[in-house]
mmCIF file of all heavy atoms, coordinates in Angstrom:
data_MODEL
# 
_entry.id   MODEL 
# 
loop_
_atom_site.group_PDB 
_atom_site.id 
_atom_site.type_symbol 
_atom_site.label_atom_id 
_atom_site.label_alt_id 
_atom_site.label_comp_id 
_atom_site.label_asym_id 
_atom_site.label_entity_id 
_atom_site.label_seq_id 
_atom_site.pdbx_PDB_ins_code 
_atom_site.Cartn_x 
_atom_site.Cartn_y 
_atom_site.Cartn_z 
_atom_site.occupancy 
_atom_site.B_iso_or_equiv 
_atom_site.pdbx_formal_charge 
_atom_site.auth_seq_id 
_atom_site.auth_comp_id 
_atom_site.auth_asym_id 
_atom_site.auth_atom_id 
_atom_site.pdbx_PDB_model_num 
ATOM 1   N N   . LEU A 1 1  ? 0.837   -1.217 -0.066 1.00 0.00 ? 1  LEU A N   1 
ATOM 2   C CA  . LEU A 1 1  ? 0.021   -0.013 0.005  1.00 0.00 ? 1  LEU A CA  1 
ATOM 3   C C   . LEU A 1 1  ? 0.864   1.265  0.000  1.00 0.00 ? 1  LEU A C   1 
ATOM 4   O O   . LEU A 1 1  ? 1.961   1.278  0.564  1.00 0.00 ? 1  LEU A O   1 
ATOM 5   C CB  . LEU A 1 1  ? -0.928  -0.008 1.216  1.00 0.00 ? 1  LEU A CB  1 
ATOM 6   C CG  . LEU A 1 1  ? -1.985  -1.058 1.307  1.00 0.00 ? 1  LEU A CG  1 
ATOM 7   C CD1 . LEU A 1 1  ? -2.827  -0.886 2.577  1.00 0.00 ? 1  LEU A CD1 1 
ATOM 8   C CD2 . LEU A 1 1  ? -2.854  -1.053 0.099  1.00 0.00 ? 1  LEU A CD2 1 
ATOM 9   N N   . SER A 1 2  ? 0.373   2.263  -0.665 1.00 0.00 ? 2  SER A N   1 
ATOM 10  C CA  . SER A 1 2  ? 1.173   3.499  -0.708 1.00 0.00 ? 2  SER A CA  1 
ATOM 11  C C   . SER A 1 2  ? 0.224   4.718  -0.801 1.00 0.00 ? 2  SER A C   1 
ATOM 12  O O   . SER A 1 2  ? -0.984  4.560  -1.143 1.00 0.00 ? 2  SER A O   1 
ATOM 13  C CB  . SER A 1 2  ? 2.101   3.514  -1.900 1.00 0.00 ? 2  SER A CB  1 
ATOM 14  O OG  . SER A 1 2  ? 1.364   3.452  -3.075 1.00 0.00 ? 2  SER A OG  1 
ATOM 15  N N   . GLY A 1 3  ? 0.778   5.904  -0.414 1.00 0.00 ? 3  GLY A N   1 
ATOM 16  C CA  . GLY A 1 3  ? 0.028   7.123  -0.605 1.00 0.00 ? 3  GLY A CA  1 
ATOM 17  C C   . GLY A 1 3  ? -1.317  7.152  0.183  1.00 0.00 ? 3  GLY A C   1 
ATOM 18  O O   . GLY A 1 3  ? -1.420  6.884  1.390  1.00 0.00 ? 3  GLY A O   1 
ATOM 19  N N   . GLY A 1 4  ? -2.371  7.558  -0.568 1.00 0.00 ? 4  GLY A N   1 
ATOM 20  C CA  . GLY A 1 4  ? -3.708  7.698  0.040  1.00 0.00 ? 4  GLY A CA  1 
ATOM 21  C C   . GLY A 1 4  ? -4.206  6.376  0.618  1.00 0.00 ? 4  GLY A C   1 
ATOM 22  O O   . GLY A 1 4  ? -5.024  6.380  1.599  1.00 0.00 ? 4  GLY A O   1 
ATOM 23  N N   . ALA A 1 5  ? -3.836  5.227  0.015  1.00 0.00 ? 5  ALA A N   1 
ATOM 24  C CA  . ALA A 1 5  ? -4.331  3.976  0.488  1.00 0.00 ? 5  ALA A CA  1 
ATOM 25  C C   . ALA A 1 5  ? -3.794  3.697  1.924  1.00 0.00 ? 5  ALA A C   1 
ATOM 26  O O   . ALA A 1 5  ? -4.498  3.044  2.744  1.00 0.00 ? 5  ALA A O   1 
ATOM 27  C CB  . ALA A 1 5  ? -3.778  2.845  -0.409 1.00 0.00 ? 5  ALA A CB  1 
ATOM 28  N N   . ARG A 1 6  ? -2.642  4.183  2.299  1.00 0.00 ? 6  ARG A N   1 
ATOM 29  C CA  . ARG A 1 6  ? -2.112  3.969  3.639  1.00 0.00 ? 6  ARG A CA  1 
ATOM 30  C C   . ARG A 1 6  ? -2.961  4.897  4.666  1.00 0.00 ? 6  ARG A C   1 
ATOM 31  O O   . ARG A 1 6  ? -3.186  4.489  5.776  1.00 0.00 ? 6  ARG A O   1 
ATOM 32  C CB  . ARG A 1 6  ? -0.678  4.392  3.698  1.00 0.00 ? 6  ARG A CB  1 
ATOM 33  C CG  . ARG A 1 6  ? 0.283   3.427  2.993  1.00 0.00 ? 6  ARG A CG  1 
ATOM 34  C CD  . ARG A 1 6  ? 1.734   3.840  3.105  1.00 0.00 ? 6  ARG A CD  1 
ATOM 35  N NE  . ARG A 1 6  ? 2.147   3.911  4.487  1.00 0.00 ? 6  ARG A NE  1 
ATOM 36  C CZ  . ARG A 1 6  ? 2.769   2.906  5.138  1.00 0.00 ? 6  ARG A CZ  1 
ATOM 37  N NH1 . ARG A 1 6  ? 2.979   1.775  4.471  1.00 0.00 ? 6  ARG A NH1 1 
ATOM 38  N NH2 . ARG A 1 6  ? 3.134   3.033  6.415  1.00 0.00 ? 6  ARG A NH2 1 
ATOM 39  N N   . ILE A 1 7  ? -3.378  6.044  4.138  1.00 0.00 ? 7  ILE A N   1 
ATOM 40  C CA  . ILE A 1 7  ? -4.236  6.875  4.993  1.00 0.00 ? 7  ILE A CA  1 
ATOM 41  C C   . ILE A 1 7  ? -5.538  6.229  5.296  1.00 0.00 ? 7  ILE A C   1 
ATOM 42  O O   . ILE A 1 7  ? -6.061  6.201  6.381  1.00 0.00 ? 7  ILE A O   1 
ATOM 43  C CB  . ILE A 1 7  ? -4.433  8.252  4.366  1.00 0.00 ? 7  ILE A CB  1 
ATOM 44  C CG1 . ILE A 1 7  ? -3.059  9.059  4.296  1.00 0.00 ? 7  ILE A CG1 1 
ATOM 45  C CG2 . ILE A 1 7  ? -5.497  9.072  5.000  1.00 0.00 ? 7  ILE A CG2 1 
ATOM 46  C CD1 . ILE A 1 7  ? -3.153  10.360 3.613  1.00 0.00 ? 7  ILE A CD1 1 
ATOM 47  N N   . ALA A 1 8  ? -6.119  5.602  4.237  1.00 0.00 ? 8  ALA A N   1 
ATOM 48  C CA  . ALA A 1 8  ? -7.407  4.820  4.414  1.00 0.00 ? 8  ALA A CA  1 
ATOM 49  C C   . ALA A 1 8  ? -7.175  3.699  5.420  1.00 0.00 ? 8  ALA A C   1 
ATOM 50  O O   . ALA A 1 8  ? -8.063  3.392  6.234  1.00 0.00 ? 8  ALA A O   1 
ATOM 51  C CB  . ALA A 1 8  ? -7.866  4.330  3.020  1.00 0.00 ? 8  ALA A CB  1 
ATOM 52  N N   . PHE A 1 9  ? -6.066  3.088  5.340  1.00 0.00 ? 9  PHE A N   1 
ATOM 53  C CA  . PHE A 1 9  ? -5.758  1.982  6.308  1.00 0.00 ? 9  PHE A CA  1 
ATOM 54  C C   . PHE A 1 9  ? -5.760  2.550  7.734  1.00 0.00 ? 9  PHE A C   1 
ATOM 55  O O   . PHE A 1 9  ? -6.216  1.856  8.646  1.00 0.00 ? 9  PHE A O   1 
ATOM 56  C CB  . PHE A 1 9  ? -4.373  1.355  5.918  1.00 0.00 ? 9  PHE A CB  1 
ATOM 57  C CG  . PHE A 1 9  ? -3.979  0.320  6.910  1.00 0.00 ? 9  PHE A CG  1 
ATOM 58  C CD1 . PHE A 1 9  ? -4.416  -0.996 6.796  1.00 0.00 ? 9  PHE A CD1 1 
ATOM 59  C CD2 . PHE A 1 9  ? -3.044  0.586  7.861  1.00 0.00 ? 9  PHE A CD2 1 
ATOM 60  C CE1 . PHE A 1 9  ? -4.019  -2.012 7.680  1.00 0.00 ? 9  PHE A CE1 1 
ATOM 61  C CE2 . PHE A 1 9  ? -2.584  -0.411 8.795  1.00 0.00 ? 9  PHE A CE2 1 
ATOM 62  C CZ  . PHE A 1 9  ? -3.145  -1.645 8.658  1.00 0.00 ? 9  PHE A CZ  1 
ATOM 63  N N   . VAL A 1 10 ? -5.125  3.693  7.912  1.00 0.00 ? 10 VAL A N   1 
ATOM 64  C CA  . VAL A 1 10 ? -5.125  4.300  9.235  1.00 0.00 ? 10 VAL A CA  1 
ATOM 65  C C   . VAL A 1 10 ? -6.546  4.514  9.771  1.00 0.00 ? 10 VAL A C   1 
ATOM 66  O O   . VAL A 1 10 ? -6.886  4.173  10.931 1.00 0.00 ? 10 VAL A O   1 
ATOM 67  C CB  . VAL A 1 10 ? -4.299  5.609  9.244  1.00 0.00 ? 10 VAL A CB  1 
ATOM 68  C CG1 . VAL A 1 10 ? -4.431  6.269  10.633 1.00 0.00 ? 10 VAL A CG1 1 
ATOM 69  C CG2 . VAL A 1 10 ? -2.836  5.315  8.941  1.00 0.00 ? 10 VAL A CG2 1 
ATOM 70  N N   . TYR A 1 11 ? -7.410  5.078  8.893  1.00 0.00 ? 11 TYR A N   1 
ATOM 71  C CA  . TYR A 1 11 ? -8.737  5.373  9.286  1.00 0.00 ? 11 TYR A CA  1 
ATOM 72  C C   . TYR A 1 11 ? -9.565  4.125  9.630  1.00 0.00 ? 11 TYR A C   1 
ATOM 73  O O   . TYR A 1 11 ? -10.144 4.010  10.696 1.00 0.00 ? 11 TYR A O   1 
ATOM 74  C CB  . TYR A 1 11 ? -9.511  6.099  8.175  1.00 0.00 ? 11 TYR A CB  1 
ATOM 75  C CG  . TYR A 1 11 ? -9.038  7.515  7.924  1.00 0.00 ? 11 TYR A CG  1 
ATOM 76  C CD1 . TYR A 1 11 ? -9.153  8.078  6.669  1.00 0.00 ? 11 TYR A CD1 1 
ATOM 77  C CD2 . TYR A 1 11 ? -8.521  8.285  9.000  1.00 0.00 ? 11 TYR A CD2 1 
ATOM 78  C CE1 . TYR A 1 11 ? -8.706  9.386  6.445  1.00 0.00 ? 11 TYR A CE1 1 
ATOM 79  C CE2 . TYR A 1 11 ? -8.105  9.590  8.731  1.00 0.00 ? 11 TYR A CE2 1 
ATOM 80  C CZ  . TYR A 1 11 ? -8.195  10.158 7.448  1.00 0.00 ? 11 TYR A CZ  1 
ATOM 81  O OH  . TYR A 1 11 ? -7.789  11.417 7.263  1.00 0.00 ? 11 TYR A OH  1 
ATOM 82  N N   . HIS A 1 12 ? -9.564  3.186  8.724  1.00 0.00 ? 12 HIS A N   1 
ATOM 83  C CA  . HIS A 1 12 ? -10.564 2.107  8.717  1.00 0.00 ? 12 HIS A CA  1 
ATOM 84  C C   . HIS A 1 12 ? -10.032 0.810  9.427  1.00 0.00 ? 12 HIS A C   1 
ATOM 85  O O   . HIS A 1 12 ? -10.791 -0.044 9.683  1.00 0.00 ? 12 HIS A O   1 
ATOM 86  C CB  . HIS A 1 12 ? -10.998 1.774  7.308  1.00 0.00 ? 12 HIS A CB  1 
ATOM 87  C CG  . HIS A 1 12 ? -11.569 2.951  6.599  1.00 0.00 ? 12 HIS A CG  1 
ATOM 88  N ND1 . HIS A 1 12 ? -12.649 3.648  7.083  1.00 0.00 ? 12 HIS A ND1 1 
ATOM 89  C CD2 . HIS A 1 12 ? -11.204 3.589  5.470  1.00 0.00 ? 12 HIS A CD2 1 
ATOM 90  C CE1 . HIS A 1 12 ? -12.938 4.664  6.211  1.00 0.00 ? 12 HIS A CE1 1 
ATOM 91  N NE2 . HIS A 1 12 ? -12.074 4.662  5.279  1.00 0.00 ? 12 HIS A NE2 1 
ATOM 92  N N   . GLU A 1 13 ? -8.762  0.831  9.685  1.00 0.00 ? 13 GLU A N   1 
ATOM 93  C CA  . GLU A 1 13 ? -8.167  -0.310 10.369 1.00 0.00 ? 13 GLU A CA  1 
ATOM 94  C C   . GLU A 1 13 ? -7.611  0.095  11.749 1.00 0.00 ? 13 GLU A C   1 
ATOM 95  O O   . GLU A 1 13 ? -8.124  -0.317 12.802 1.00 0.00 ? 13 GLU A O   1 
ATOM 96  C CB  . GLU A 1 13 ? -7.097  -1.020 9.545  1.00 0.00 ? 13 GLU A CB  1 
ATOM 97  C CG  . GLU A 1 13 ? -7.596  -1.733 8.286  1.00 0.00 ? 13 GLU A CG  1 
ATOM 98  C CD  . GLU A 1 13 ? -8.484  -2.903 8.620  1.00 0.00 ? 13 GLU A CD  1 
ATOM 99  O OE1 . GLU A 1 13 ? -8.293  -3.540 9.695  1.00 0.00 ? 13 GLU A OE1 1 
ATOM 100 O OE2 . GLU A 1 13 ? -9.375  -3.188 7.791  1.00 0.00 ? 13 GLU A OE2 1 
ATOM 101 N N   . LEU A 1 14 ? -6.623  0.908  11.758 1.00 0.00 ? 14 LEU A N   1 
ATOM 102 C CA  . LEU A 1 14 ? -5.919  1.292  12.992 1.00 0.00 ? 14 LEU A CA  1 
ATOM 103 C C   . LEU A 1 14 ? -6.865  2.029  13.922 1.00 0.00 ? 14 LEU A C   1 
ATOM 104 O O   . LEU A 1 14 ? -7.077  1.681  15.047 1.00 0.00 ? 14 LEU A O   1 
ATOM 105 C CB  . LEU A 1 14 ? -4.670  2.088  12.657 1.00 0.00 ? 14 LEU A CB  1 
ATOM 106 C CG  . LEU A 1 14 ? -3.620  1.373  11.898 1.00 0.00 ? 14 LEU A CG  1 
ATOM 107 C CD1 . LEU A 1 14 ? -2.388  2.273  11.734 1.00 0.00 ? 14 LEU A CD1 1 
ATOM 108 C CD2 . LEU A 1 14 ? -3.188  0.048  12.549 1.00 0.00 ? 14 LEU A CD2 1 
ATOM 109 N N   . TYR A 1 15 ? -7.451  3.197  13.385 1.00 0.00 ? 15 TYR A N   1 
ATOM 110 C CA  . TYR A 1 15 ? -8.274  4.024  14.245 1.00 0.00 ? 15 TYR A CA  1 
ATOM 111 C C   . TYR A 1 15 ? -9.581  3.317  14.588 1.00 0.00 ? 15 TYR A C   1 
ATOM 112 O O   . TYR A 1 15 ? -10.021 3.312  15.785 1.00 0.00 ? 15 TYR A O   1 
ATOM 113 C CB  . TYR A 1 15 ? -8.586  5.345  13.550 1.00 0.00 ? 15 TYR A CB  1 
ATOM 114 C CG  . TYR A 1 15 ? -9.485  6.248  14.390 1.00 0.00 ? 15 TYR A CG  1 
ATOM 115 C CD1 . TYR A 1 15 ? -9.050  6.812  15.590 1.00 0.00 ? 15 TYR A CD1 1 
ATOM 116 C CD2 . TYR A 1 15 ? -10.791 6.597  13.930 1.00 0.00 ? 15 TYR A CD2 1 
ATOM 117 C CE1 . TYR A 1 15 ? -9.881  7.586  16.361 1.00 0.00 ? 15 TYR A CE1 1 
ATOM 118 C CE2 . TYR A 1 15 ? -11.602 7.372  14.720 1.00 0.00 ? 15 TYR A CE2 1 
ATOM 119 C CZ  . TYR A 1 15 ? -11.141 7.900  15.928 1.00 0.00 ? 15 TYR A CZ  1 
ATOM 120 O OH  . TYR A 1 15 ? -11.961 8.688  16.698 1.00 0.00 ? 15 TYR A OH  1 
ATOM 121 N N   . SER A 1 16 ? -10.242 2.697  13.646 1.00 0.00 ? 16 SER A N   1 
ATOM 122 C CA  . SER A 1 16 ? -11.529 2.063  13.973 1.00 0.00 ? 16 SER A CA  1 
ATOM 123 C C   . SER A 1 16 ? -11.389 0.970  14.957 1.00 0.00 ? 16 SER A C   1 
ATOM 124 O O   . SER A 1 16 ? -12.109 0.886  15.954 1.00 0.00 ? 16 SER A O   1 
ATOM 125 C CB  . SER A 1 16 ? -12.088 1.481  12.610 1.00 0.00 ? 16 SER A CB  1 
ATOM 126 O OG  . SER A 1 16 ? -13.231 0.785  12.866 1.00 0.00 ? 16 SER A OG  1 
ATOM 127 N N   . ASN A 1 17 ? -10.312 0.119  14.789 1.00 0.00 ? 17 ASN A N   1 
ATOM 128 C CA  . ASN A 1 17 ? -10.113 -0.906 15.756 1.00 0.00 ? 17 ASN A CA  1 
ATOM 129 C C   . ASN A 1 17 ? -9.605  -0.386 17.110 1.00 0.00 ? 17 ASN A C   1 
ATOM 130 O O   . ASN A 1 17 ? -9.929  -0.943 18.165 1.00 0.00 ? 17 ASN A O   1 
ATOM 131 C CB  . ASN A 1 17 ? -9.107  -1.951 15.228 1.00 0.00 ? 17 ASN A CB  1 
ATOM 132 C CG  . ASN A 1 17 ? -9.605  -2.756 14.084 1.00 0.00 ? 17 ASN A CG  1 
ATOM 133 O OD1 . ASN A 1 17 ? -10.830 -3.025 14.056 1.00 0.00 ? 17 ASN A OD1 1 
ATOM 134 N ND2 . ASN A 1 17 ? -8.762  -3.184 13.144 1.00 0.00 ? 17 ASN A ND2 1 
ATOM 135 N N   . GLY A 1 18 ? -8.917  0.698  17.044 1.00 0.00 ? 18 GLY A N   1 
ATOM 136 C CA  . GLY A 1 18 ? -8.404  1.303  18.305 1.00 0.00 ? 18 GLY A CA  1 
ATOM 137 C C   . GLY A 1 18 ? -9.578  1.827  19.160 1.00 0.00 ? 18 GLY A C   1 
ATOM 138 O O   . GLY A 1 18 ? -9.633  1.677  20.353 1.00 0.00 ? 18 GLY A O   1 
ATOM 139 N N   . ILE A 1 19 ? -10.555 2.486  18.473 1.00 0.00 ? 19 ILE A N   1 
ATOM 140 C CA  . ILE A 1 19 ? -11.730 3.021  19.200 1.00 0.00 ? 19 ILE A CA  1 
ATOM 141 C C   . ILE A 1 19 ? -12.555 1.808  19.717 1.00 0.00 ? 19 ILE A C   1 
ATOM 142 O O   . ILE A 1 19 ? -13.135 1.864  20.836 1.00 0.00 ? 19 ILE A O   1 
ATOM 143 C CB  . ILE A 1 19 ? -12.612 3.903  18.255 1.00 0.00 ? 19 ILE A CB  1 
ATOM 144 C CG1 . ILE A 1 19 ? -11.839 5.129  17.994 1.00 0.00 ? 19 ILE A CG1 1 
ATOM 145 C CG2 . ILE A 1 19 ? -13.928 4.185  18.890 1.00 0.00 ? 19 ILE A CG2 1 
ATOM 146 C CD1 . ILE A 1 19 ? -11.677 6.109  19.177 1.00 0.00 ? 19 ILE A CD1 1 
ATOM 147 N N   . LYS A 1 20 ? -12.715 0.824  18.855 1.00 0.00 ? 20 LYS A N   1 
ATOM 148 C CA  . LYS A 1 20 ? -13.536 -0.330 19.288 1.00 0.00 ? 20 LYS A CA  1 
ATOM 149 C C   . LYS A 1 20 ? -12.911 -1.088 20.465 1.00 0.00 ? 20 LYS A C   1 
ATOM 150 O O   . LYS A 1 20 ? -13.610 -1.762 21.267 1.00 0.00 ? 20 LYS A O   1 
ATOM 151 C CB  . LYS A 1 20 ? -13.735 -1.296 18.165 1.00 0.00 ? 20 LYS A CB  1 
ATOM 152 C CG  . LYS A 1 20 ? -14.636 -0.750 16.987 1.00 0.00 ? 20 LYS A CG  1 
ATOM 153 C CD  . LYS A 1 20 ? -14.665 -1.723 15.892 1.00 0.00 ? 20 LYS A CD  1 
ATOM 154 C CE  . LYS A 1 20 ? -15.501 -1.133 14.731 1.00 0.00 ? 20 LYS A CE  1 
ATOM 155 N NZ  . LYS A 1 20 ? -15.473 -2.003 13.505 1.00 0.00 ? 20 LYS A NZ  1 
ATOM 156 N N   . ALA A 1 21 ? -11.630 -1.020 20.605 1.00 0.00 ? 21 ALA A N   1 
ATOM 157 C CA  . ALA A 1 21 ? -10.927 -1.608 21.697 1.00 0.00 ? 21 ALA A CA  1 
ATOM 158 C C   . ALA A 1 21 ? -11.046 -0.961 23.049 1.00 0.00 ? 21 ALA A C   1 
ATOM 159 O O   . ALA A 1 21 ? -10.714 -1.518 24.086 1.00 0.00 ? 21 ALA A O   1 
ATOM 160 C CB  . ALA A 1 21 ? -9.427  -1.786 21.365 1.00 0.00 ? 21 ALA A CB  1 
ATOM 161 N N   . VAL A 1 22 ? -11.584 0.279  23.048 1.00 0.00 ? 22 VAL A N   1 
ATOM 162 C CA  . VAL A 1 22 ? -11.807 0.993  24.317 1.00 0.00 ? 22 VAL A CA  1 
ATOM 163 C C   . VAL A 1 22 ? -13.046 0.426  25.004 1.00 0.00 ? 22 VAL A C   1 
ATOM 164 O O   . VAL A 1 22 ? -14.165 0.645  24.564 1.00 0.00 ? 22 VAL A O   1 
ATOM 165 C CB  . VAL A 1 22 ? -11.968 2.482  24.081 1.00 0.00 ? 22 VAL A CB  1 
ATOM 166 C CG1 . VAL A 1 22 ? -12.213 3.239  25.395 1.00 0.00 ? 22 VAL A CG1 1 
ATOM 167 C CG2 . VAL A 1 22 ? -10.739 3.082  23.390 1.00 0.00 ? 22 VAL A CG2 1 
ATOM 168 N N   . ASP A 1 23 ? -12.810 -0.228 26.060 1.00 0.00 ? 23 ASP A N   1 
ATOM 169 C CA  . ASP A 1 23 ? -13.922 -0.874 26.880 1.00 0.00 ? 23 ASP A CA  1 
ATOM 170 C C   . ASP A 1 23 ? -14.319 0.056  27.962 1.00 0.00 ? 23 ASP A C   1 
ATOM 171 O O   . ASP A 1 23 ? -13.557 0.458  28.837 1.00 0.00 ? 23 ASP A O   1 
ATOM 172 C CB  . ASP A 1 23 ? -13.410 -2.218 27.454 1.00 0.00 ? 23 ASP A CB  1 
ATOM 173 C CG  . ASP A 1 23 ? -14.561 -2.979 28.153 1.00 0.00 ? 23 ASP A CG  1 
ATOM 174 O OD1 . ASP A 1 23 ? -15.619 -2.385 28.381 1.00 0.00 ? 23 ASP A OD1 1 
ATOM 175 O OD2 . ASP A 1 23 ? -14.355 -4.163 28.387 1.00 0.00 ? 23 ASP A OD2 1 
ATOM 176 N N   . PRO A 1 24 ? -15.585 0.476  28.021 1.00 0.00 ? 24 PRO A N   1 
ATOM 177 C CA  . PRO A 1 24 ? -16.000 1.503  29.022 1.00 0.00 ? 24 PRO A CA  1 
ATOM 178 C C   . PRO A 1 24 ? -15.957 0.937  30.415 1.00 0.00 ? 24 PRO A C   1 
ATOM 179 O O   . PRO A 1 24 ? -15.982 1.681  31.360 1.00 0.00 ? 24 PRO A O   1 
ATOM 180 C CB  . PRO A 1 24 ? -17.493 1.788  28.636 1.00 0.00 ? 24 PRO A CB  1 
ATOM 181 C CG  . PRO A 1 24 ? -17.893 0.611  27.864 1.00 0.00 ? 24 PRO A CG  1 
ATOM 182 C CD  . PRO A 1 24 ? -16.671 0.137  27.096 1.00 0.00 ? 24 PRO A CD  1 
ATOM 183 N N   . PHE A 1 25 ? -15.807 -0.405 30.574 1.00 0.00 ? 25 PHE A N   1 
ATOM 184 C CA  . PHE A 1 25 ? -15.756 -0.946 31.906 1.00 0.00 ? 25 PHE A CA  1 
ATOM 185 C C   . PHE A 1 25 ? -14.376 -1.479 32.331 1.00 0.00 ? 25 PHE A C   1 
ATOM 186 O O   . PHE A 1 25 ? -14.266 -2.228 33.268 1.00 0.00 ? 25 PHE A O   1 
ATOM 187 C CB  . PHE A 1 25 ? -16.768 -2.137 32.024 1.00 0.00 ? 25 PHE A CB  1 
ATOM 188 C CG  . PHE A 1 25 ? -18.167 -1.724 31.668 1.00 0.00 ? 25 PHE A CG  1 
ATOM 189 C CD1 . PHE A 1 25 ? -18.812 -2.161 30.488 1.00 0.00 ? 25 PHE A CD1 1 
ATOM 190 C CD2 . PHE A 1 25 ? -18.867 -0.801 32.468 1.00 0.00 ? 25 PHE A CD2 1 
ATOM 191 C CE1 . PHE A 1 25 ? -20.097 -1.791 30.151 1.00 0.00 ? 25 PHE A CE1 1 
ATOM 192 C CE2 . PHE A 1 25 ? -20.172 -0.367 32.048 1.00 0.00 ? 25 PHE A CE2 1 
ATOM 193 C CZ  . PHE A 1 25 ? -20.754 -0.894 30.940 1.00 0.00 ? 25 PHE A CZ  1 
ATOM 194 N N   . ASP A 1 26 ? -13.336 -0.983 31.483 1.00 0.00 ? 26 ASP A N   1 
ATOM 195 C CA  . ASP A 1 26 ? -11.964 -1.323 31.870 1.00 0.00 ? 26 ASP A CA  1 
ATOM 196 C C   . ASP A 1 26 ? -11.661 -0.636 33.228 1.00 0.00 ? 26 ASP A C   1 
ATOM 197 O O   . ASP A 1 26 ? -11.005 -1.189 34.058 1.00 0.00 ? 26 ASP A O   1 
ATOM 198 C CB  . ASP A 1 26 ? -10.998 -0.808 30.816 1.00 0.00 ? 26 ASP A CB  1 
ATOM 199 C CG  . ASP A 1 26 ? -10.888 -1.760 29.663 1.00 0.00 ? 26 ASP A CG  1 
ATOM 200 O OD1 . ASP A 1 26 ? -11.342 -2.899 29.836 1.00 0.00 ? 26 ASP A OD1 1 
ATOM 201 O OD2 . ASP A 1 26 ? -10.391 -1.370 28.619 1.00 0.00 ? 26 ASP A OD2 1 
ATOM 202 N N   . HIS A 1 27 ? -12.100 0.647  33.326 1.00 0.00 ? 27 HIS A N   1 
ATOM 203 C CA  . HIS A 1 27 ? -11.732 1.424  34.524 1.00 0.00 ? 27 HIS A CA  1 
ATOM 204 C C   . HIS A 1 27 ? -12.858 1.523  35.537 1.00 0.00 ? 27 HIS A C   1 
ATOM 205 O O   . HIS A 1 27 ? -12.703 2.137  36.586 1.00 0.00 ? 27 HIS A O   1 
ATOM 206 C CB  . HIS A 1 27 ? -11.253 2.828  34.090 1.00 0.00 ? 27 HIS A CB  1 
ATOM 207 C CG  . HIS A 1 27 ? -10.079 2.860  33.150 1.00 0.00 ? 27 HIS A CG  1 
ATOM 208 N ND1 . HIS A 1 27 ? -9.725  3.904  32.399 1.00 0.00 ? 27 HIS A ND1 1 
ATOM 209 C CD2 . HIS A 1 27 ? -9.096  1.883  32.925 1.00 0.00 ? 27 HIS A CD2 1 
ATOM 210 C CE1 . HIS A 1 27 ? -8.640  3.629  31.718 1.00 0.00 ? 27 HIS A CE1 1 
ATOM 211 N NE2 . HIS A 1 27 ? -8.293  2.389  32.035 1.00 0.00 ? 27 HIS A NE2 1 
ATOM 212 N N   . VAL A 1 28 ? -14.037 1.039  35.122 1.00 0.00 ? 28 VAL A N   1 
ATOM 213 C CA  . VAL A 1 28 ? -15.247 1.151  36.011 1.00 0.00 ? 28 VAL A CA  1 
ATOM 214 C C   . VAL A 1 28 ? -15.716 -0.236 36.332 1.00 0.00 ? 28 VAL A C   1 
ATOM 215 O O   . VAL A 1 28 ? -16.196 -0.897 35.451 1.00 0.00 ? 28 VAL A O   1 
ATOM 216 C CB  . VAL A 1 28 ? -16.300 2.058  35.402 1.00 0.00 ? 28 VAL A CB  1 
ATOM 217 C CG1 . VAL A 1 28 ? -17.553 2.119  36.287 1.00 0.00 ? 28 VAL A CG1 1 
ATOM 218 C CG2 . VAL A 1 28 ? -15.835 3.427  34.982 1.00 0.00 ? 28 VAL A CG2 1 
# 
């Protein structure tokens, strides 16, 4: 992957999975 495709990967893989991994009951 190169250029804009890498940016799409950040959005739809890294960021999306990173947000989904935040468990609201980790700290509560």
